[in-house]
Amino acid sequence: MIRIIFQNDFFVICDKESGVLSTPSRHEESDKRCCLGTALQDFLKQQIYPIHRLDFEVSGLVMYAKTPEAHRKANAWFEHKQVQKTYRALTTAQDYSHIPANVPNQKMAISLTQPGLKFEWKSHILRGKKRAYESAQGKDSLTLAEYLGVNEQGYLMWDLQPVTGRSHQLRFDLSRHGFPILGDKLYGSKVDWGVDRIALRAYKIDFSNAPGATPLGLPSDVTLTSL
């Protein structure tokens, strides 16, 4: 199902479902999973150009360009950190039992005394075949996290902004601090969140600091109201 949230002559922004690829995989011919980019291109009957991606298990806003020039400009925004993405995540209370004994981790206790607490999480992330891990040879990573409180189901709510765009960055950062995302069994969650889905949703893209965004018809931000 294609859910277009914003569209003009230069860009199209969709709300991707979990369990759907953003762009074709390396093994496109043999990979039978649904791909939003391919379906959207067929639906619009024109070439589109991916600007960024979401993991297969993650839902939310994904942006594509409709022209090579728009693609070039948007890539520059993301490269120079002039566009800010915000994600909502759900986790259980802090628990380090999923961290193997042979994996270095300070297991620092984080006291979540009230909503609104903010954190800056820095690390060096190296992506392995399946998952990310911390390594001295990894790339610098920075995540801004805000604790929002507890929802009606008793789960912890977080807003996350990846300042850097490392693969699996948000999933890794929450996990290494003892808060694996619900359903994210790859990073230690013990909660079933359904098939091919985790409780991580990209719900806002902020263009207010992107030079040239307004002439290309983009609003200051695109935000999902349904989380």
N, C-alpha and C. Protein backbone atom coordinates (compact mmCIF):
# COMPACT_ATOMS: atom_id res chain seq x y z
N MET A 1 0.84 -1.20 0.00
CA MET A 1 0.00 0.00 0.00
C MET A 1 0.88 1.25 0.00
N ILE A 2 0.63 2.15 -0.93
CA ILE A 2 1.40 3.38 -1.06
C ILE A 2 0.64 4.50 -0.37
N ARG A 3 1.28 5.13 0.63
CA ARG A 3 0.67 6.25 1.34
C ARG A 3 1.53 7.49 1.09
N ILE A 4 1.10 8.33 0.17
CA ILE A 4 1.82 9.57 -0.15
C ILE A 4 1.40 10.66 0.83
N ILE A 5 2.37 11.23 1.53
CA ILE A 5 2.10 12.27 2.52
C ILE A 5 2.30 13.66 1.92
N PHE A 6 3.28 13.79 1.04
CA PHE A 6 3.56 15.06 0.38
C PHE A 6 4.06 14.78 -1.03
N GLN A 7 3.67 15.65 -1.97
CA GLN A 7 4.14 15.48 -3.34
C GLN A 7 4.07 16.81 -4.07
N ASN A 8 5.12 17.11 -4.85
CA ASN A 8 5.08 18.23 -5.79
C ASN A 8 5.87 17.82 -7.03
N ASP A 9 6.31 18.79 -7.82
CA ASP A 9 7.01 18.47 -9.07
C ASP A 9 8.42 17.94 -8.83
N PHE A 10 8.95 18.10 -7.61
CA PHE A 10 10.33 17.76 -7.35
C PHE A 10 10.52 16.58 -6.39
N PHE A 11 9.59 16.42 -5.47
CA PHE A 11 9.75 15.40 -4.43
C PHE A 11 8.44 14.66 -4.15
N VAL A 12 8.58 13.48 -3.60
CA VAL A 12 7.44 12.75 -3.07
C VAL A 12 7.90 12.10 -1.76
N ILE A 13 7.07 12.27 -0.73
CA ILE A 13 7.38 11.72 0.59
C ILE A 13 6.25 10.77 0.98
N CYS A 14 6.64 9.55 1.33
CA CYS A 14 5.66 8.51 1.65
C CYS A 14 5.79 8.05 3.09
N ASP A 15 4.72 7.47 3.60
CA ASP A 15 4.72 6.80 4.90
C ASP A 15 4.91 5.31 4.63
N LYS A 16 6.14 4.84 4.79
CA LYS A 16 6.46 3.44 4.51
C LYS A 16 5.97 2.53 5.63
N GLU A 17 5.38 1.43 5.26
CA GLU A 17 4.99 0.43 6.24
C GLU A 17 6.22 -0.36 6.68
N SER A 18 6.17 -0.92 7.86
CA SER A 18 7.21 -1.86 8.27
C SER A 18 7.05 -3.13 7.45
N GLY A 19 8.14 -3.87 7.28
CA GLY A 19 8.08 -5.08 6.46
C GLY A 19 8.10 -4.80 4.97
N VAL A 20 8.57 -3.60 4.61
CA VAL A 20 8.67 -3.19 3.20
C VAL A 20 10.04 -2.54 3.00
N LEU A 21 10.69 -2.86 1.89
CA LEU A 21 11.97 -2.24 1.56
C LEU A 21 11.77 -0.80 1.08
N SER A 22 12.72 0.08 1.37
CA SER A 22 12.69 1.44 0.84
C SER A 22 13.16 1.47 -0.61
N THR A 23 14.20 0.69 -0.90
CA THR A 23 14.78 0.58 -2.23
C THR A 23 15.08 -0.89 -2.51
N PRO A 24 15.24 -1.26 -3.75
CA PRO A 24 15.52 -2.67 -4.05
C PRO A 24 16.78 -3.16 -3.37
N SER A 25 16.79 -4.41 -2.96
CA SER A 25 17.96 -5.00 -2.33
C SER A 25 19.01 -5.34 -3.38
N ARG A 26 20.17 -5.75 -2.92
CA ARG A 26 21.24 -6.13 -3.85
C ARG A 26 20.85 -7.33 -4.71
N HIS A 27 19.96 -8.15 -4.15
CA HIS A 27 19.53 -9.35 -4.87
C HIS A 27 18.11 -9.16 -5.38
N GLU A 28 17.92 -8.06 -6.10
CA GLU A 28 16.58 -7.65 -6.51
C GLU A 28 15.83 -8.74 -7.25
N GLU A 29 16.48 -9.46 -8.13
CA GLU A 29 15.79 -10.45 -8.96
C GLU A 29 15.25 -11.61 -8.13
N SER A 30 15.98 -12.00 -7.08
CA SER A 30 15.55 -13.15 -6.29
C SER A 30 14.85 -12.74 -4.98
N ASP A 31 14.91 -11.46 -4.62
CA ASP A 31 14.30 -10.97 -3.38
C ASP A 31 12.82 -10.69 -3.64
N LYS A 32 11.96 -11.44 -2.99
CA LYS A 32 10.52 -11.32 -3.23
C LYS A 32 9.83 -10.31 -2.30
N ARG A 33 10.58 -9.64 -1.45
CA ARG A 33 9.97 -8.68 -0.53
C ARG A 33 9.45 -7.46 -1.29
N CYS A 34 8.38 -6.87 -0.78
CA CYS A 34 7.82 -5.67 -1.39
C CYS A 34 8.79 -4.51 -1.24
N CYS A 35 8.86 -3.67 -2.26
CA CYS A 35 9.75 -2.52 -2.27
C CYS A 35 8.94 -1.27 -2.58
N LEU A 36 8.92 -0.31 -1.65
CA LEU A 36 8.17 0.91 -1.84
C LEU A 36 8.67 1.70 -3.04
N GLY A 37 9.98 1.83 -3.18
CA GLY A 37 10.53 2.60 -4.28
C GLY A 37 10.10 2.08 -5.64
N THR A 38 10.14 0.77 -5.80
CA THR A 38 9.72 0.17 -7.07
C THR A 38 8.24 0.36 -7.31
N ALA A 39 7.43 0.13 -6.28
CA ALA A 39 5.98 0.28 -6.41
C ALA A 39 5.60 1.73 -6.69
N LEU A 40 6.28 2.66 -6.03
CA LEU A 40 5.99 4.08 -6.23
C LEU A 40 6.35 4.52 -7.63
N GLN A 41 7.45 4.04 -8.14
CA GLN A 41 7.86 4.38 -9.51
C GLN A 41 6.83 3.88 -10.51
N ASP A 42 6.35 2.68 -10.31
CA ASP A 42 5.31 2.14 -11.20
C ASP A 42 4.02 2.94 -11.08
N PHE A 43 3.68 3.34 -9.85
CA PHE A 43 2.45 4.09 -9.62
C PHE A 43 2.50 5.47 -10.27
N LEU A 44 3.64 6.15 -10.13
CA LEU A 44 3.77 7.50 -10.69
C LEU A 44 4.08 7.48 -12.18
N LYS A 45 4.51 6.32 -12.67
CA LYS A 45 4.89 6.17 -14.08
C LYS A 45 6.01 7.13 -14.47
N GLN A 46 7.00 7.24 -13.59
CA GLN A 46 8.17 8.06 -13.89
C GLN A 46 9.34 7.60 -13.03
N GLN A 47 10.53 7.96 -13.45
CA GLN A 47 11.74 7.65 -12.70
C GLN A 47 11.76 8.44 -11.39
N ILE A 48 12.08 7.78 -10.28
CA ILE A 48 12.29 8.47 -9.02
C ILE A 48 13.66 8.10 -8.48
N TYR A 49 14.18 8.93 -7.56
CA TYR A 49 15.54 8.78 -7.08
C TYR A 49 15.53 8.76 -5.54
N PRO A 50 15.96 7.68 -4.92
CA PRO A 50 15.96 7.59 -3.46
C PRO A 50 16.95 8.57 -2.83
N ILE A 51 16.52 9.22 -1.76
CA ILE A 51 17.36 10.19 -1.07
C ILE A 51 17.90 9.61 0.23
N HIS A 52 17.08 8.88 0.93
CA HIS A 52 17.51 8.19 2.15
C HIS A 52 16.66 6.93 2.29
N ARG A 53 16.96 6.11 3.29
CA ARG A 53 16.28 4.83 3.43
C ARG A 53 15.88 4.59 4.87
N LEU A 54 14.92 3.70 5.03
CA LEU A 54 14.57 3.18 6.35
C LEU A 54 14.80 1.68 6.34
N ASP A 55 15.18 1.12 7.47
CA ASP A 55 15.33 -0.32 7.58
C ASP A 55 14.02 -1.02 7.23
N PHE A 56 14.12 -2.22 6.77
CA PHE A 56 12.98 -3.05 6.39
C PHE A 56 11.92 -3.11 7.49
N GLU A 57 12.36 -3.20 8.75
CA GLU A 57 11.44 -3.39 9.88
C GLU A 57 10.88 -2.07 10.43
N VAL A 58 11.38 -0.93 9.92
CA VAL A 58 11.02 0.39 10.45
C VAL A 58 9.97 1.04 9.55
N SER A 59 9.04 1.76 10.17
CA SER A 59 8.02 2.46 9.40
C SER A 59 8.26 3.97 9.43
N GLY A 60 7.56 4.68 8.54
CA GLY A 60 7.61 6.13 8.59
C GLY A 60 8.02 6.80 7.30
N LEU A 61 8.44 8.05 7.43
CA LEU A 61 8.64 8.93 6.28
C LEU A 61 9.90 8.59 5.49
N VAL A 62 9.70 8.43 4.19
CA VAL A 62 10.81 8.20 3.25
C VAL A 62 10.64 9.18 2.09
N MET A 63 11.73 9.77 1.68
CA MET A 63 11.71 10.82 0.67
C MET A 63 12.40 10.37 -0.61
N TYR A 64 11.77 10.69 -1.73
CA TYR A 64 12.34 10.40 -3.05
C TYR A 64 12.29 11.69 -3.88
N ALA A 65 13.26 11.83 -4.79
CA ALA A 65 13.27 12.97 -5.71
C ALA A 65 12.68 12.54 -7.05
N LYS A 66 12.12 13.52 -7.75
CA LYS A 66 11.53 13.25 -9.06
C LYS A 66 12.43 13.69 -10.21
N THR A 67 13.45 14.50 -9.90
CA THR A 67 14.37 14.95 -10.94
C THR A 67 15.80 14.78 -10.46
N PRO A 68 16.75 14.63 -11.39
CA PRO A 68 18.15 14.51 -10.98
C PRO A 68 18.65 15.72 -10.20
N GLU A 69 18.21 16.92 -10.57
CA GLU A 69 18.66 18.13 -9.88
C GLU A 69 18.12 18.18 -8.45
N ALA A 70 16.85 17.82 -8.27
CA ALA A 70 16.28 17.78 -6.92
C ALA A 70 16.99 16.72 -6.08
N HIS A 71 17.34 15.61 -6.71
CA HIS A 71 18.06 14.55 -6.03
C HIS A 71 19.43 15.03 -5.56
N ARG A 72 20.12 15.75 -6.41
CA ARG A 72 21.45 16.27 -6.07
C ARG A 72 21.36 17.24 -4.89
N LYS A 73 20.38 18.14 -4.91
CA LYS A 73 20.26 19.12 -3.84
C LYS A 73 19.88 18.46 -2.51
N ALA A 74 18.95 17.54 -2.56
CA ALA A 74 18.52 16.87 -1.34
C ALA A 74 19.64 16.02 -0.74
N ASN A 75 20.40 15.37 -1.59
CA ASN A 75 21.55 14.60 -1.09
C ASN A 75 22.53 15.51 -0.36
N ALA A 76 22.73 16.72 -0.88
CA ALA A 76 23.64 17.67 -0.23
C ALA A 76 23.09 18.10 1.13
N TRP A 77 21.78 18.29 1.24
CA TRP A 77 21.18 18.65 2.53
C TRP A 77 21.47 17.58 3.58
N PHE A 78 21.23 16.34 3.19
CA PHE A 78 21.43 15.25 4.14
C PHE A 78 22.91 15.08 4.46
N GLU A 79 23.77 15.22 3.45
CA GLU A 79 25.21 15.05 3.67
C GLU A 79 25.74 16.10 4.64
N HIS A 80 25.23 17.33 4.54
CA HIS A 80 25.71 18.42 5.38
C HIS A 80 24.84 18.63 6.63
N LYS A 81 23.99 17.63 6.93
CA LYS A 81 23.18 17.64 8.15
C LYS A 81 22.28 18.87 8.22
N GLN A 82 21.72 19.27 7.08
CA GLN A 82 20.83 20.43 7.03
C GLN A 82 19.36 20.01 7.07
N VAL A 83 19.13 18.72 7.11
CA VAL A 83 17.79 18.17 7.28
C VAL A 83 17.81 17.32 8.54
N GLN A 84 16.80 17.47 9.39
CA GLN A 84 16.75 16.73 10.64
C GLN A 84 15.57 15.76 10.64
N LYS A 85 15.86 14.48 10.87
CA LYS A 85 14.81 13.47 10.98
C LYS A 85 14.58 13.15 12.46
N THR A 86 13.31 12.93 12.81
CA THR A 86 12.96 12.56 14.18
C THR A 86 12.17 11.26 14.16
N TYR A 87 12.54 10.37 15.07
CA TYR A 87 11.91 9.05 15.17
C TYR A 87 11.26 8.90 16.55
N ARG A 88 10.20 8.12 16.62
CA ARG A 88 9.60 7.74 17.89
C ARG A 88 9.88 6.25 18.11
N ALA A 89 10.35 5.93 19.30
CA ALA A 89 10.66 4.54 19.64
C ALA A 89 9.98 4.17 20.95
N LEU A 90 9.64 2.89 21.07
CA LEU A 90 9.11 2.33 22.31
C LEU A 90 10.06 1.25 22.82
N THR A 91 10.33 1.27 24.12
CA THR A 91 11.22 0.28 24.72
C THR A 91 10.65 -0.18 26.06
N THR A 92 11.23 -1.23 26.58
CA THR A 92 10.94 -1.62 27.96
C THR A 92 11.92 -0.88 28.88
N ALA A 93 11.76 -1.07 30.19
CA ALA A 93 12.65 -0.43 31.16
C ALA A 93 14.08 -0.94 30.98
N GLN A 94 15.03 -0.21 31.50
CA GLN A 94 16.44 -0.53 31.29
C GLN A 94 16.78 -1.93 31.80
N ASP A 95 17.45 -2.68 30.95
CA ASP A 95 17.82 -4.06 31.25
C ASP A 95 18.99 -4.43 30.34
N TYR A 96 20.09 -4.86 30.93
CA TYR A 96 21.29 -5.20 30.15
C TYR A 96 21.46 -6.70 29.96
N SER A 97 20.44 -7.48 30.27
CA SER A 97 20.60 -8.94 30.21
C SER A 97 20.83 -9.45 28.79
N HIS A 98 20.53 -8.65 27.79
CA HIS A 98 20.73 -9.09 26.40
C HIS A 98 22.17 -8.87 25.94
N ILE A 99 22.98 -8.17 26.72
CA ILE A 99 24.37 -7.91 26.35
C ILE A 99 25.23 -9.09 26.76
N PRO A 100 25.86 -9.79 25.81
CA PRO A 100 26.71 -10.94 26.16
C PRO A 100 27.87 -10.52 27.07
N ALA A 101 28.30 -11.44 27.91
CA ALA A 101 29.37 -11.15 28.88
C ALA A 101 30.67 -10.74 28.20
N ASN A 102 30.90 -11.23 26.98
CA ASN A 102 32.16 -10.93 26.29
C ASN A 102 32.12 -9.63 25.48
N VAL A 103 30.99 -8.92 25.54
CA VAL A 103 30.86 -7.66 24.80
C VAL A 103 31.08 -6.49 25.78
N PRO A 104 32.10 -5.66 25.54
CA PRO A 104 32.36 -4.54 26.46
C PRO A 104 31.16 -3.58 26.54
N ASN A 105 30.73 -3.30 27.75
CA ASN A 105 29.63 -2.37 27.97
C ASN A 105 29.67 -1.92 29.43
N GLN A 106 29.63 -0.63 29.65
CA GLN A 106 29.72 -0.11 31.01
C GLN A 106 28.45 -0.39 31.82
N LYS A 107 27.36 -0.70 31.13
CA LYS A 107 26.08 -0.98 31.78
C LYS A 107 25.72 0.10 32.80
N MET A 108 25.82 1.32 32.33
CA MET A 108 25.56 2.48 33.18
C MET A 108 24.07 2.63 33.45
N ALA A 109 23.70 2.77 34.69
CA ALA A 109 22.30 2.96 35.06
C ALA A 109 21.86 4.37 34.67
N ILE A 110 20.74 4.46 33.96
CA ILE A 110 20.17 5.75 33.56
C ILE A 110 18.88 5.95 34.34
N SER A 111 18.85 7.00 35.15
CA SER A 111 17.69 7.28 35.99
C SER A 111 16.71 8.16 35.22
N LEU A 112 15.60 7.59 34.82
CA LEU A 112 14.57 8.33 34.07
C LEU A 112 13.54 8.86 35.05
N THR A 113 13.88 9.95 35.71
CA THR A 113 13.05 10.48 36.79
C THR A 113 11.83 11.25 36.30
N GLN A 114 11.93 11.81 35.08
CA GLN A 114 10.81 12.61 34.58
C GLN A 114 10.90 12.74 33.06
N PRO A 115 9.76 12.93 32.39
CA PRO A 115 9.79 13.16 30.95
C PRO A 115 10.57 14.44 30.62
N GLY A 116 11.16 14.46 29.44
CA GLY A 116 11.90 15.63 28.99
C GLY A 116 13.39 15.52 29.18
N LEU A 117 13.86 14.44 29.81
CA LEU A 117 15.31 14.26 29.97
C LEU A 117 15.95 14.03 28.61
N LYS A 118 17.08 14.71 28.37
CA LYS A 118 17.73 14.63 27.07
C LYS A 118 19.14 14.06 27.21
N PHE A 119 19.55 13.33 26.20
CA PHE A 119 20.86 12.65 26.21
C PHE A 119 21.55 12.84 24.87
N GLU A 120 22.87 12.88 24.90
CA GLU A 120 23.70 12.84 23.69
C GLU A 120 24.52 11.56 23.74
N TRP A 121 24.25 10.67 22.82
CA TRP A 121 24.93 9.39 22.81
C TRP A 121 25.94 9.34 21.67
N LYS A 122 27.21 9.21 22.04
CA LYS A 122 28.29 9.17 21.05
C LYS A 122 28.92 7.77 21.04
N SER A 123 29.31 7.34 19.87
CA SER A 123 29.99 6.05 19.77
C SER A 123 30.73 5.98 18.44
N HIS A 124 31.41 4.86 18.21
CA HIS A 124 32.05 4.58 16.92
C HIS A 124 31.42 3.29 16.41
N ILE A 125 30.62 3.42 15.36
CA ILE A 125 29.83 2.29 14.89
C ILE A 125 30.45 1.65 13.64
N LEU A 126 30.55 0.35 13.69
CA LEU A 126 30.99 -0.44 12.55
C LEU A 126 29.87 -1.40 12.20
N ARG A 127 29.49 -1.48 10.94
CA ARG A 127 28.40 -2.35 10.53
C ARG A 127 28.94 -3.70 10.09
N GLY A 128 28.48 -4.75 10.75
CA GLY A 128 28.85 -6.10 10.36
C GLY A 128 27.89 -6.63 9.31
N LYS A 129 27.91 -7.94 9.10
CA LYS A 129 27.07 -8.53 8.07
C LYS A 129 25.58 -8.38 8.40
N LYS A 130 25.23 -8.50 9.69
CA LYS A 130 23.83 -8.41 10.07
C LYS A 130 23.52 -7.21 10.96
N ARG A 131 24.46 -6.83 11.82
CA ARG A 131 24.16 -5.80 12.79
C ARG A 131 25.35 -4.87 13.00
N ALA A 132 25.08 -3.77 13.68
CA ALA A 132 26.13 -2.80 13.98
C ALA A 132 26.72 -3.10 15.36
N TYR A 133 27.95 -2.69 15.55
CA TYR A 133 28.58 -2.85 16.85
C TYR A 133 29.64 -1.75 17.03
N GLU A 134 30.06 -1.56 18.26
CA GLU A 134 31.02 -0.51 18.56
C GLU A 134 32.44 -1.01 18.32
N SER A 135 33.25 -0.15 17.68
CA SER A 135 34.62 -0.53 17.36
C SER A 135 35.47 0.73 17.24
N ALA A 136 36.71 0.62 17.66
CA ALA A 136 37.63 1.75 17.51
C ALA A 136 37.82 2.11 16.05
N GLN A 137 37.58 1.15 15.17
CA GLN A 137 37.71 1.39 13.72
C GLN A 137 36.40 1.89 13.11
N GLY A 138 35.36 2.05 13.93
CA GLY A 138 34.05 2.46 13.42
C GLY A 138 33.98 3.95 13.12
N LYS A 139 32.86 4.36 12.54
CA LYS A 139 32.64 5.76 12.20
C LYS A 139 31.98 6.49 13.38
N ASP A 140 32.34 7.77 13.53
CA ASP A 140 31.73 8.57 14.59
C ASP A 140 30.22 8.58 14.46
N SER A 141 29.56 8.46 15.59
CA SER A 141 28.10 8.43 15.60
C SER A 141 27.59 9.32 16.73
N LEU A 142 26.52 10.07 16.46
CA LEU A 142 25.90 10.91 17.47
C LEU A 142 24.39 10.83 17.35
N THR A 143 23.75 10.48 18.46
CA THR A 143 22.29 10.42 18.54
C THR A 143 21.82 11.35 19.65
N LEU A 144 20.81 12.17 19.34
CA LEU A 144 20.15 12.98 20.36
C LEU A 144 18.88 12.25 20.77
N ALA A 145 18.76 11.96 22.06
CA ALA A 145 17.61 11.20 22.56
C ALA A 145 16.89 12.00 23.63
N GLU A 146 15.56 11.93 23.59
CA GLU A 146 14.74 12.57 24.61
C GLU A 146 13.74 11.55 25.16
N TYR A 147 13.74 11.39 26.46
CA TYR A 147 12.80 10.49 27.12
C TYR A 147 11.47 11.21 27.29
N LEU A 148 10.39 10.59 26.82
CA LEU A 148 9.08 11.23 26.81
C LEU A 148 8.13 10.74 27.89
N GLY A 149 8.52 9.70 28.62
CA GLY A 149 7.64 9.17 29.64
C GLY A 149 7.16 7.77 29.30
N VAL A 150 6.13 7.33 30.02
CA VAL A 150 5.59 5.98 29.86
C VAL A 150 4.19 6.06 29.25
N ASN A 151 3.92 5.20 28.26
CA ASN A 151 2.60 5.22 27.63
C ASN A 151 1.61 4.35 28.40
N GLU A 152 0.39 4.22 27.87
CA GLU A 152 -0.67 3.50 28.57
C GLU A 152 -0.36 2.02 28.74
N GLN A 153 0.47 1.49 27.86
CA GLN A 153 0.84 0.07 27.95
C GLN A 153 2.04 -0.16 28.87
N GLY A 154 2.58 0.90 29.42
CA GLY A 154 3.72 0.77 30.32
C GLY A 154 5.07 0.76 29.63
N TYR A 155 5.09 1.07 28.34
CA TYR A 155 6.35 1.11 27.60
C TYR A 155 6.95 2.52 27.65
N LEU A 156 8.27 2.58 27.59
CA LEU A 156 8.97 3.86 27.58
C LEU A 156 8.94 4.45 26.17
N MET A 157 8.70 5.75 26.09
CA MET A 157 8.63 6.45 24.81
C MET A 157 9.86 7.36 24.65
N TRP A 158 10.41 7.34 23.45
CA TRP A 158 11.60 8.13 23.14
C TRP A 158 11.43 8.88 21.83
N ASP A 159 11.96 10.09 21.77
CA ASP A 159 12.19 10.78 20.50
C ASP A 159 13.68 10.74 20.22
N LEU A 160 14.03 10.39 18.99
CA LEU A 160 15.44 10.19 18.62
C LEU A 160 15.76 10.97 17.35
N GLN A 161 16.89 11.65 17.37
CA GLN A 161 17.36 12.37 16.19
C GLN A 161 18.78 11.91 15.88
N PRO A 162 18.97 11.22 14.76
CA PRO A 162 20.32 10.82 14.37
C PRO A 162 21.06 11.98 13.72
N VAL A 163 22.02 12.55 14.42
CA VAL A 163 22.82 13.63 13.84
C VAL A 163 23.68 13.08 12.73
N THR A 164 24.24 11.89 12.96
CA THR A 164 24.92 11.16 11.90
C THR A 164 23.95 10.10 11.37
N GLY A 165 24.23 9.57 10.23
CA GLY A 165 23.30 8.62 9.63
C GLY A 165 23.90 7.24 9.46
N ARG A 166 24.39 6.66 10.54
CA ARG A 166 25.00 5.34 10.46
C ARG A 166 23.93 4.25 10.38
N SER A 167 24.27 3.17 9.74
CA SER A 167 23.35 2.05 9.60
C SER A 167 23.00 1.46 10.97
N HIS A 168 21.73 1.31 11.26
CA HIS A 168 21.23 0.75 12.52
C HIS A 168 21.58 1.62 13.73
N GLN A 169 21.90 2.87 13.51
CA GLN A 169 22.39 3.74 14.58
C GLN A 169 21.44 3.81 15.78
N LEU A 170 20.16 4.10 15.54
CA LEU A 170 19.22 4.26 16.64
C LEU A 170 18.96 2.94 17.36
N ARG A 171 18.86 1.89 16.59
CA ARG A 171 18.63 0.56 17.17
C ARG A 171 19.80 0.16 18.06
N PHE A 172 21.01 0.41 17.58
CA PHE A 172 22.21 0.07 18.34
C PHE A 172 22.32 0.92 19.60
N ASP A 173 22.08 2.23 19.47
CA ASP A 173 22.26 3.12 20.61
C ASP A 173 21.30 2.79 21.75
N LEU A 174 20.03 2.57 21.44
CA LEU A 174 19.09 2.22 22.50
C LEU A 174 19.46 0.88 23.14
N SER A 175 19.86 -0.06 22.32
CA SER A 175 20.21 -1.39 22.83
C SER A 175 21.42 -1.32 23.75
N ARG A 176 22.45 -0.61 23.36
CA ARG A 176 23.67 -0.58 24.17
C ARG A 176 23.48 0.17 25.48
N HIS A 177 22.41 1.00 25.57
CA HIS A 177 22.09 1.69 26.81
C HIS A 177 21.04 0.94 27.63
N GLY A 178 20.73 -0.30 27.21
CA GLY A 178 19.82 -1.13 27.98
C GLY A 178 18.36 -0.99 27.63
N PHE A 179 18.06 -0.38 26.48
CA PHE A 179 16.68 -0.14 26.07
C PHE A 179 16.42 -0.65 24.65
N PRO A 180 16.54 -1.95 24.39
CA PRO A 180 16.27 -2.41 23.03
C PRO A 180 14.84 -2.08 22.60
N ILE A 181 14.69 -1.69 21.35
CA ILE A 181 13.38 -1.32 20.81
C ILE A 181 12.48 -2.54 20.77
N LEU A 182 11.22 -2.35 21.12
CA LEU A 182 10.27 -3.46 21.14
C LEU A 182 10.25 -4.18 19.80
N GLY A 183 10.37 -5.49 19.85
CA GLY A 183 10.35 -6.31 18.65
C GLY A 183 11.68 -6.46 17.96
N ASP A 184 12.68 -5.68 18.39
CA ASP A 184 13.98 -5.70 17.71
C ASP A 184 14.85 -6.81 18.31
N LYS A 185 14.54 -8.03 17.96
CA LYS A 185 15.24 -9.18 18.53
C LYS A 185 16.71 -9.21 18.13
N LEU A 186 17.04 -8.61 17.00
CA LEU A 186 18.43 -8.55 16.57
C LEU A 186 19.28 -7.80 17.59
N TYR A 187 18.67 -6.83 18.27
CA TYR A 187 19.39 -6.03 19.26
C TYR A 187 18.91 -6.28 20.68
N GLY A 188 18.30 -7.43 20.92
CA GLY A 188 18.06 -7.88 22.28
C GLY A 188 16.67 -7.78 22.84
N SER A 189 15.69 -7.32 22.05
CA SER A 189 14.33 -7.21 22.59
C SER A 189 13.75 -8.59 22.86
N LYS A 190 13.04 -8.69 23.97
CA LYS A 190 12.36 -9.94 24.32
C LYS A 190 10.85 -9.83 24.10
N VAL A 191 10.42 -8.75 23.46
CA VAL A 191 9.00 -8.49 23.22
C VAL A 191 8.66 -8.76 21.75
N ASP A 192 7.59 -9.49 21.53
CA ASP A 192 7.11 -9.76 20.17
C ASP A 192 6.29 -8.56 19.70
N TRP A 193 6.68 -7.96 18.58
CA TRP A 193 5.98 -6.78 18.05
C TRP A 193 5.38 -7.06 16.68
N GLY A 194 5.30 -8.34 16.32
CA GLY A 194 4.74 -8.71 15.02
C GLY A 194 5.82 -9.09 14.04
N VAL A 195 5.40 -9.60 12.90
CA VAL A 195 6.33 -10.09 11.89
C VAL A 195 6.96 -8.92 11.15
N ASP A 196 8.28 -8.92 11.07
CA ASP A 196 9.04 -7.93 10.29
C ASP A 196 8.72 -6.49 10.70
N ARG A 197 8.52 -6.25 11.99
CA ARG A 197 8.28 -4.88 12.44
C ARG A 197 8.85 -4.67 13.83
N ILE A 198 9.35 -3.47 14.05
CA ILE A 198 9.82 -3.07 15.37
C ILE A 198 9.17 -1.72 15.70
N ALA A 199 9.21 -1.35 16.98
CA ALA A 199 8.53 -0.13 17.42
C ALA A 199 9.41 1.10 17.23
N LEU A 200 9.73 1.37 15.96
CA LEU A 200 10.52 2.53 15.59
C LEU A 200 9.89 3.16 14.35
N ARG A 201 9.54 4.45 14.46
CA ARG A 201 8.80 5.11 13.39
C ARG A 201 9.40 6.49 13.11
N ALA A 202 9.77 6.74 11.86
CA ALA A 202 10.27 8.05 11.45
C ALA A 202 9.06 8.95 11.20
N TYR A 203 8.85 9.93 12.07
CA TYR A 203 7.60 10.68 11.96
C TYR A 203 7.75 12.15 11.58
N LYS A 204 8.98 12.64 11.49
CA LYS A 204 9.15 14.05 11.12
C LYS A 204 10.43 14.25 10.32
N ILE A 205 10.32 15.06 9.26
CA ILE A 205 11.49 15.52 8.51
C ILE A 205 11.43 17.05 8.51
N ASP A 206 12.47 17.69 9.04
CA ASP A 206 12.52 19.15 9.18
C ASP A 206 13.43 19.73 8.09
N PHE A 207 12.85 20.61 7.26
CA PHE A 207 13.60 21.22 6.16
C PHE A 207 13.92 22.69 6.44
N SER A 208 13.69 23.17 7.66
CA SER A 208 13.79 24.60 7.94
C SER A 208 15.22 25.14 7.77
N ASN A 209 16.21 24.27 7.86
CA ASN A 209 17.60 24.71 7.71
C ASN A 209 18.23 24.24 6.39
N ALA A 210 17.39 23.78 5.47
CA ALA A 210 17.88 23.29 4.18
C ALA A 210 17.85 24.42 3.16
N PRO A 211 19.01 24.92 2.72
CA PRO A 211 19.02 26.03 1.76
C PRO A 211 18.41 25.64 0.42
N GLY A 212 17.48 26.47 -0.04
CA GLY A 212 16.85 26.18 -1.32
C GLY A 212 15.64 25.27 -1.25
N ALA A 213 15.24 24.88 -0.04
CA ALA A 213 14.09 23.98 0.08
C ALA A 213 12.78 24.68 -0.28
N THR A 214 12.65 25.93 0.15
CA THR A 214 11.40 26.66 -0.12
C THR A 214 11.16 26.87 -1.62
N PRO A 215 12.15 27.30 -2.41
CA PRO A 215 11.91 27.41 -3.86
C PRO A 215 11.53 26.09 -4.52
N LEU A 216 11.92 24.98 -3.90
CA LEU A 216 11.54 23.68 -4.44
C LEU A 216 10.20 23.20 -3.88
N GLY A 217 9.51 24.10 -3.19
CA GLY A 217 8.15 23.81 -2.77
C GLY A 217 8.02 23.00 -1.50
N LEU A 218 9.09 22.82 -0.75
CA LEU A 218 9.01 22.04 0.48
C LEU A 218 8.55 22.90 1.65
N PRO A 219 7.72 22.37 2.53
CA PRO A 219 7.32 23.10 3.74
C PRO A 219 8.46 23.08 4.75
N SER A 220 8.29 23.79 5.87
CA SER A 220 9.33 23.79 6.90
C SER A 220 9.56 22.40 7.46
N ASP A 221 8.48 21.59 7.50
CA ASP A 221 8.63 20.21 7.93
C ASP A 221 7.44 19.39 7.44
N VAL A 222 7.64 18.10 7.39
CA VAL A 222 6.57 17.14 7.11
C VAL A 222 6.50 16.23 8.32
N THR A 223 5.31 16.17 8.95
CA THR A 223 5.17 15.44 10.21
C THR A 223 3.95 14.52 10.16
N LEU A 224 4.14 13.30 10.61
CA LEU A 224 3.03 12.36 10.71
C LEU A 224 2.30 12.58 12.03
N THR A 225 0.98 12.59 11.98
CA THR A 225 0.19 12.75 13.21
C THR A 225 -0.18 11.40 13.80
N SER A 226 -0.10 10.35 12.99
CA SER A 226 -0.44 9.02 13.47
C SER A 226 0.83 8.26 13.80
N LEU A 227 1.07 8.02 15.09
CA LEU A 227 2.26 7.33 15.52
C LEU A 227 1.92 5.93 16.02
